[in-house]
Amino acid sequence: LADWPSQSPDANPIENVWAYIKQKLRGKRVFTLKQLSREIRCIWKALPLEYAENLVDSMPRRYQTIIDADDGWTRY
């Protein structure tokens, strides 16, 4: 197993995707779990390709920041 920083759950780009989805859900009238699931799927399918590419491109920088912090605090 590779060494992994002890406190880096937010380094995972899916956290950014969830934040994006939550932002898009604001103001929507969702009353059931089925409606929520449908809305999330629609937002996911409409996620701009450029947004996803930017997240992927940010990974080396994210991990280098964590490495440089020597397990200290980072913005990720």
C-alpha atoms as a PDB file:
ATOM      1  CA  LEU A   1       0.000   0.000   0.000  1.00  0.00           C
ATOM      2  CA  ALA A   2       1.118   3.518  -0.738  1.00  0.00           C
ATOM      3  CA  ASP A   3       1.569   5.997   2.077  1.00  0.00           C
ATOM      4  CA  TRP A   4      -1.526   8.162   2.354  1.00  0.00           C
ATOM      5  CA  PRO A   5      -1.882  11.379   4.363  1.00  0.00           C
ATOM      6  CA  SER A   6      -3.856  10.749   7.519  1.00  0.00           C
ATOM      7  CA  GLN A   7      -6.318  13.614   7.028  1.00  0.00           C
ATOM      8  CA  SER A   8      -6.970  14.096   3.320  1.00  0.00           C
ATOM      9  CA  PRO A   9     -10.579  13.100   2.587  1.00  0.00           C
ATOM     10  CA  ASP A  10     -11.271  16.430   0.895  1.00  0.00           C
ATOM     11  CA  ALA A  11      -8.403  15.877  -1.539  1.00  0.00           C
ATOM     12  CA  ASN A  12     -10.746  13.548  -3.374  1.00  0.00           C
ATOM     13  CA  PRO A  13     -12.252  15.473  -6.316  1.00  0.00           C
ATOM     14  CA  ILE A  14     -15.633  13.815  -5.761  1.00  0.00           C
ATOM     15  CA  GLU A  15     -16.029  16.250  -2.844  1.00  0.00           C
ATOM     16  CA  ASN A  16     -15.938  19.089  -5.381  1.00  0.00           C
ATOM     17  CA  VAL A  17     -18.515  17.288  -7.495  1.00  0.00           C
ATOM     18  CA  TRP A  18     -20.820  16.874  -4.496  1.00  0.00           C
ATOM     19  CA  ALA A  19     -20.454  20.580  -3.691  1.00  0.00           C
ATOM     20  CA  TYR A  20     -21.354  21.369  -7.316  1.00  0.00           C
ATOM     21  CA  ILE A  21     -24.403  19.095  -7.138  1.00  0.00           C
ATOM     22  CA  LYS A  22     -25.532  20.608  -3.821  1.00  0.00           C
ATOM     23  CA  GLN A  23     -25.229  24.100  -5.281  1.00  0.00           C
ATOM     24  CA  LYS A  24     -27.329  23.092  -8.293  1.00  0.00           C
ATOM     25  CA  LEU A  25     -29.954  21.519  -5.994  1.00  0.00           C
ATOM     26  CA  ARG A  26     -30.483  24.755  -4.057  1.00  0.00           C
ATOM     27  CA  GLY A  27     -33.875  26.217  -4.769  1.00  0.00           C
ATOM     28  CA  LYS A  28     -35.258  23.046  -6.339  1.00  0.00           C
ATOM     29  CA  ARG A  29     -38.471  21.695  -4.889  1.00  0.00           C
ATOM     30  CA  VAL A  30     -37.653  18.108  -3.992  1.00  0.00           C
ATOM     31  CA  PHE A  31     -40.029  16.231  -1.711  1.00  0.00           C
ATOM     32  CA  THR A  32     -39.169  12.566  -2.108  1.00  0.00           C
ATOM     33  CA  LEU A  33     -36.067  10.446  -2.271  1.00  0.00           C
ATOM     34  CA  LYS A  34     -37.056   9.455  -5.801  1.00  0.00           C
ATOM     35  CA  GLN A  35     -37.211  13.119  -6.862  1.00  0.00           C
ATOM     36  CA  LEU A  36     -33.866  13.803  -5.204  1.00  0.00           C
ATOM     37  CA  SER A  37     -32.286  10.848  -6.970  1.00  0.00           C
ATOM     38  CA  ARG A  38     -33.689  12.004 -10.309  1.00  0.00           C
ATOM     39  CA  GLU A  39     -32.403  15.560  -9.799  1.00  0.00           C
ATOM     40  CA  ILE A  40     -28.927  14.343  -8.813  1.00  0.00           C
ATOM     41  CA  ARG A  41     -28.769  12.113 -11.882  1.00  0.00           C
ATOM     42  CA  CYS A  42     -29.803  14.989 -14.158  1.00  0.00           C
ATOM     43  CA  ILE A  43     -27.178  17.287 -12.656  1.00  0.00           C
ATOM     44  CA  TRP A  44     -24.551  14.536 -12.922  1.00  0.00           C
ATOM     45  CA  LYS A  45     -25.349  13.918 -16.589  1.00  0.00           C
ATOM     46  CA  ALA A  46     -25.189  17.652 -17.322  1.00  0.00           C
ATOM     47  CA  LEU A  47     -21.867  18.122 -15.505  1.00  0.00           C
ATOM     48  CA  PRO A  48     -19.697  20.083 -17.928  1.00  0.00           C
ATOM     49  CA  LEU A  49     -16.849  18.043 -19.371  1.00  0.00           C
ATOM     50  CA  GLU A  50     -14.501  20.974 -18.775  1.00  0.00           C
ATOM     51  CA  TYR A  51     -15.360  20.909 -15.056  1.00  0.00           C
ATOM     52  CA  ALA A  52     -14.454  17.219 -14.825  1.00  0.00           C
ATOM     53  CA  GLU A  53     -11.267  17.732 -16.851  1.00  0.00           C
ATOM     54  CA  ASN A  54     -10.202  20.570 -14.550  1.00  0.00           C
ATOM     55  CA  LEU A  55     -10.678  18.331 -11.521  1.00  0.00           C
ATOM     56  CA  VAL A  56      -8.572  15.587 -13.087  1.00  0.00           C
ATOM     57  CA  ASP A  57      -5.905  18.101 -14.098  1.00  0.00           C
ATOM     58  CA  SER A  58      -5.792  19.433 -10.529  1.00  0.00           C
ATOM     59  CA  MET A  59      -4.854  16.076  -8.994  1.00  0.00           C
ATOM     60  CA  PRO A  60      -1.053  16.325  -9.311  1.00  0.00           C
ATOM     61  CA  ARG A  61      -1.172  19.810  -7.759  1.00  0.00           C
ATOM     62  CA  ARG A  62      -3.463  18.630  -4.950  1.00  0.00           C
ATOM     63  CA  TYR A  63      -1.225  15.724  -4.037  1.00  0.00           C
ATOM     64  CA  GLN A  64       1.948  17.766  -4.285  1.00  0.00           C
ATOM     65  CA  THR A  65       0.414  20.307  -1.904  1.00  0.00           C
ATOM     66  CA  ILE A  66      -0.354  17.517   0.566  1.00  0.00           C
ATOM     67  CA  ILE A  67       3.166  16.111   0.239  1.00  0.00           C
ATOM     68  CA  ASP A  68       4.712  19.553   0.709  1.00  0.00           C
ATOM     69  CA  ALA A  69       2.587  20.121   3.821  1.00  0.00           C
ATOM     70  CA  ASP A  70       4.167  17.017   5.390  1.00  0.00           C
ATOM     71  CA  ASP A  71       0.786  15.852   6.729  1.00  0.00           C
ATOM     72  CA  GLY A  72      -0.027  19.392   7.840  1.00  0.00           C
ATOM     73  CA  TRP A  73      -3.087  21.442   6.932  1.00  0.00           C
ATOM     74  CA  THR A  74      -3.860  22.185   3.289  1.00  0.00           C
ATOM     75  CA  ARG A  75      -6.790  23.844   1.547  1.00  0.00           C
ATOM     76  CA  TYR A  76      -7.694  20.422   0.168  1.00  0.00           C
END
